[in-house]
Amino acid sequence: RCGRKLIKTGDSSAELLRVCGKPFHKDRGVDRIKVNGAMKEANVQRWHYKKSSRSLERIVMVYKGKVSGIETGSR
């Protein structure tokens, strides 16, 4: 959730930027994601978002320009 808008898997990275803005950090790594209905390991970008020091970090995985998953990180 970014403000009143929701980001979900399948949304484009352009939509993610439009709704949530620029992440405070980006990195790359290998994660297990669902691709064409099957789980596989893939190289993804991880975009890190955090509203404030009291909120939980959200990590959005981006694979081939699409949101492939969203995880909740630490405070």
N, C-alpha and C. Protein backbone atom coordinates (compact mmCIF):
# COMPACT_ATOMS: atom_id res chain seq x y z
N ARG A 1 0.85 -1.17 0.00
CA ARG A 1 0.00 0.00 0.00
C ARG A 1 0.89 1.24 0.00
N CYS A 2 0.58 2.14 -0.91
CA CYS A 2 1.25 3.44 -0.97
C CYS A 2 0.15 4.49 -0.91
N GLY A 3 0.01 5.13 0.24
CA GLY A 3 -1.10 6.04 0.41
C GLY A 3 -2.40 5.26 0.37
N ARG A 4 -3.31 5.66 -0.51
CA ARG A 4 -4.58 4.94 -0.64
C ARG A 4 -4.57 3.94 -1.80
N LYS A 5 -3.46 3.84 -2.50
CA LYS A 5 -3.35 2.95 -3.65
C LYS A 5 -2.65 1.64 -3.25
N LEU A 6 -3.03 0.57 -3.92
CA LEU A 6 -2.40 -0.73 -3.69
C LEU A 6 -1.53 -1.11 -4.87
N ILE A 7 -0.40 -1.70 -4.57
CA ILE A 7 0.47 -2.29 -5.58
C ILE A 7 0.33 -3.79 -5.43
N LYS A 8 0.25 -4.49 -6.56
CA LYS A 8 0.11 -5.95 -6.49
C LYS A 8 1.02 -6.60 -7.53
N THR A 9 1.22 -7.90 -7.38
CA THR A 9 2.04 -8.60 -8.35
C THR A 9 1.42 -8.45 -9.73
N GLY A 10 2.28 -8.30 -10.71
CA GLY A 10 1.84 -8.09 -12.08
C GLY A 10 1.84 -6.64 -12.50
N ASP A 11 1.81 -5.71 -11.54
CA ASP A 11 1.88 -4.28 -11.88
C ASP A 11 3.25 -3.97 -12.48
N SER A 12 3.30 -2.99 -13.35
CA SER A 12 4.57 -2.61 -13.98
C SER A 12 5.43 -1.80 -13.02
N SER A 13 6.73 -1.80 -13.28
CA SER A 13 7.63 -0.98 -12.46
C SER A 13 7.33 0.50 -12.64
N ALA A 14 6.82 0.90 -13.81
CA ALA A 14 6.43 2.30 -14.03
C ALA A 14 5.26 2.66 -13.13
N GLU A 15 4.29 1.75 -12.98
CA GLU A 15 3.15 1.99 -12.08
C GLU A 15 3.64 2.06 -10.63
N LEU A 16 4.56 1.19 -10.27
CA LEU A 16 5.14 1.21 -8.92
C LEU A 16 5.79 2.56 -8.64
N LEU A 17 6.57 3.07 -9.57
CA LEU A 17 7.19 4.39 -9.40
C LEU A 17 6.15 5.50 -9.32
N ARG A 18 5.12 5.43 -10.15
CA ARG A 18 4.09 6.46 -10.16
C ARG A 18 3.33 6.50 -8.84
N VAL A 19 2.99 5.32 -8.30
CA VAL A 19 2.18 5.25 -7.09
C VAL A 19 3.01 5.44 -5.83
N CYS A 20 4.16 4.79 -5.75
CA CYS A 20 4.94 4.78 -4.50
C CYS A 20 6.14 5.72 -4.52
N GLY A 21 6.53 6.18 -5.69
CA GLY A 21 7.69 7.05 -5.78
C GLY A 21 8.98 6.25 -5.83
N LYS A 22 10.07 6.97 -5.73
CA LYS A 22 11.40 6.37 -5.81
C LYS A 22 11.72 5.63 -4.51
N PRO A 23 12.23 4.39 -4.60
CA PRO A 23 12.59 3.66 -3.38
C PRO A 23 13.81 4.29 -2.72
N PHE A 24 13.97 4.07 -1.40
CA PHE A 24 15.15 4.62 -0.74
C PHE A 24 16.39 3.79 -1.02
N HIS A 25 16.19 2.55 -1.51
CA HIS A 25 17.33 1.69 -1.82
C HIS A 25 16.90 0.64 -2.84
N LYS A 26 17.82 0.28 -3.74
CA LYS A 26 17.61 -0.81 -4.69
C LYS A 26 18.80 -1.74 -4.62
N ASP A 27 18.56 -3.04 -4.75
CA ASP A 27 19.65 -4.00 -4.90
C ASP A 27 19.18 -5.12 -5.81
N ARG A 28 20.08 -6.04 -6.08
CA ARG A 28 19.76 -7.18 -6.94
C ARG A 28 20.08 -8.46 -6.20
N GLY A 29 19.37 -9.51 -6.54
CA GLY A 29 19.64 -10.80 -5.93
C GLY A 29 18.83 -11.89 -6.59
N VAL A 30 18.98 -13.09 -6.07
CA VAL A 30 18.23 -14.24 -6.57
C VAL A 30 17.15 -14.56 -5.54
N ASP A 31 15.90 -14.64 -6.00
CA ASP A 31 14.77 -14.98 -5.13
C ASP A 31 13.92 -16.02 -5.83
N ARG A 32 13.15 -16.76 -5.03
CA ARG A 32 12.17 -17.70 -5.58
C ARG A 32 10.89 -16.93 -5.85
N ILE A 33 10.50 -16.91 -7.10
CA ILE A 33 9.29 -16.20 -7.49
C ILE A 33 8.45 -17.10 -8.40
N LYS A 34 7.20 -16.72 -8.56
CA LYS A 34 6.31 -17.47 -9.45
C LYS A 34 6.40 -16.86 -10.84
N VAL A 35 6.77 -17.70 -11.81
CA VAL A 35 6.87 -17.29 -13.21
C VAL A 35 6.03 -18.25 -14.04
N ASN A 36 5.03 -17.72 -14.73
CA ASN A 36 4.13 -18.54 -15.54
C ASN A 36 3.53 -19.70 -14.74
N GLY A 37 3.16 -19.42 -13.50
CA GLY A 37 2.50 -20.41 -12.66
C GLY A 37 3.41 -21.37 -11.92
N ALA A 38 4.71 -21.31 -12.15
CA ALA A 38 5.65 -22.22 -11.50
C ALA A 38 6.68 -21.43 -10.69
N MET A 39 7.07 -21.98 -9.54
CA MET A 39 8.09 -21.34 -8.72
C MET A 39 9.47 -21.62 -9.32
N LYS A 40 10.30 -20.57 -9.39
CA LYS A 40 11.66 -20.75 -9.88
C LYS A 40 12.56 -19.70 -9.27
N GLU A 41 13.84 -19.97 -9.27
CA GLU A 41 14.81 -18.97 -8.82
C GLU A 41 15.13 -18.07 -10.00
N ALA A 42 15.12 -16.77 -9.73
CA ALA A 42 15.36 -15.80 -10.80
C ALA A 42 16.09 -14.60 -10.24
N ASN A 43 16.85 -13.93 -11.11
CA ASN A 43 17.50 -12.68 -10.74
C ASN A 43 16.45 -11.59 -10.72
N VAL A 44 16.31 -10.91 -9.59
CA VAL A 44 15.32 -9.85 -9.44
C VAL A 44 15.98 -8.59 -8.89
N GLN A 45 15.31 -7.48 -9.12
CA GLN A 45 15.66 -6.24 -8.43
C GLN A 45 14.80 -6.20 -7.18
N ARG A 46 15.37 -5.72 -6.08
CA ARG A 46 14.60 -5.52 -4.84
C ARG A 46 14.56 -4.02 -4.57
N TRP A 47 13.35 -3.48 -4.54
CA TRP A 47 13.15 -2.06 -4.27
C TRP A 47 12.66 -1.94 -2.84
N HIS A 48 13.37 -1.14 -2.04
CA HIS A 48 13.07 -1.02 -0.61
C HIS A 48 12.34 0.30 -0.34
N TYR A 49 11.20 0.18 0.35
CA TYR A 49 10.39 1.34 0.73
C TYR A 49 10.16 1.33 2.23
N LYS A 50 10.16 2.52 2.83
CA LYS A 50 9.86 2.67 4.24
C LYS A 50 9.28 4.06 4.46
N LYS A 51 8.06 4.12 5.02
CA LYS A 51 7.39 5.41 5.22
C LYS A 51 8.05 6.25 6.29
N SER A 52 8.38 5.62 7.43
CA SER A 52 8.97 6.34 8.54
C SER A 52 9.83 5.38 9.36
N SER A 53 10.52 5.91 10.35
CA SER A 53 11.37 5.06 11.19
C SER A 53 10.55 4.07 12.02
N ARG A 54 9.27 4.34 12.21
CA ARG A 54 8.41 3.46 13.00
C ARG A 54 7.68 2.42 12.14
N SER A 55 7.69 2.60 10.84
CA SER A 55 6.95 1.67 9.97
C SER A 55 7.84 0.51 9.55
N LEU A 56 7.19 -0.56 9.10
CA LEU A 56 7.92 -1.71 8.59
C LEU A 56 8.40 -1.44 7.17
N GLU A 57 9.55 -1.98 6.86
CA GLU A 57 10.09 -1.86 5.51
C GLU A 57 9.31 -2.79 4.59
N ARG A 58 9.06 -2.35 3.38
CA ARG A 58 8.44 -3.18 2.34
C ARG A 58 9.48 -3.38 1.24
N ILE A 59 9.65 -4.62 0.83
CA ILE A 59 10.60 -4.94 -0.22
C ILE A 59 9.79 -5.47 -1.40
N VAL A 60 9.89 -4.75 -2.51
CA VAL A 60 9.15 -5.12 -3.71
C VAL A 60 10.12 -5.73 -4.70
N MET A 61 9.87 -7.00 -5.10
CA MET A 61 10.70 -7.66 -6.08
C MET A 61 10.19 -7.34 -7.47
N VAL A 62 11.11 -6.94 -8.35
CA VAL A 62 10.76 -6.60 -9.73
C VAL A 62 11.52 -7.53 -10.65
N TYR A 63 10.78 -8.22 -11.52
CA TYR A 63 11.35 -9.17 -12.47
C TYR A 63 10.85 -8.80 -13.86
N LYS A 64 11.78 -8.51 -14.75
CA LYS A 64 11.46 -8.14 -16.13
C LYS A 64 10.42 -7.01 -16.20
N GLY A 65 10.61 -5.99 -15.36
CA GLY A 65 9.75 -4.80 -15.40
C GLY A 65 8.39 -4.95 -14.76
N LYS A 66 8.15 -6.05 -14.05
CA LYS A 66 6.87 -6.28 -13.38
C LYS A 66 7.11 -6.64 -11.91
N VAL A 67 6.16 -6.25 -11.06
CA VAL A 67 6.21 -6.62 -9.65
C VAL A 67 5.97 -8.12 -9.55
N SER A 68 6.94 -8.84 -8.96
CA SER A 68 6.81 -10.29 -8.86
C SER A 68 6.54 -10.75 -7.43
N GLY A 69 6.70 -9.85 -6.47
CA GLY A 69 6.42 -10.21 -5.09
C GLY A 69 6.65 -9.03 -4.17
N ILE A 70 6.05 -9.10 -2.99
CA ILE A 70 6.19 -8.05 -1.98
C ILE A 70 6.41 -8.72 -0.65
N GLU A 71 7.47 -8.31 0.06
CA GLU A 71 7.79 -8.86 1.37
C GLU A 71 7.79 -7.75 2.41
N THR A 72 7.56 -8.14 3.65
CA THR A 72 7.67 -7.19 4.75
C THR A 72 9.00 -7.43 5.45
N GLY A 73 9.76 -6.37 5.62
CA GLY A 73 11.06 -6.45 6.26
C GLY A 73 10.96 -6.02 7.71
N SER A 74 12.08 -5.56 8.23
CA SER A 74 12.16 -5.14 9.62
C SER A 74 11.87 -3.65 9.77
N ARG A 75 11.86 -3.18 10.99
CA ARG A 75 11.65 -1.74 11.26
C ARG A 75 12.88 -0.97 11.03
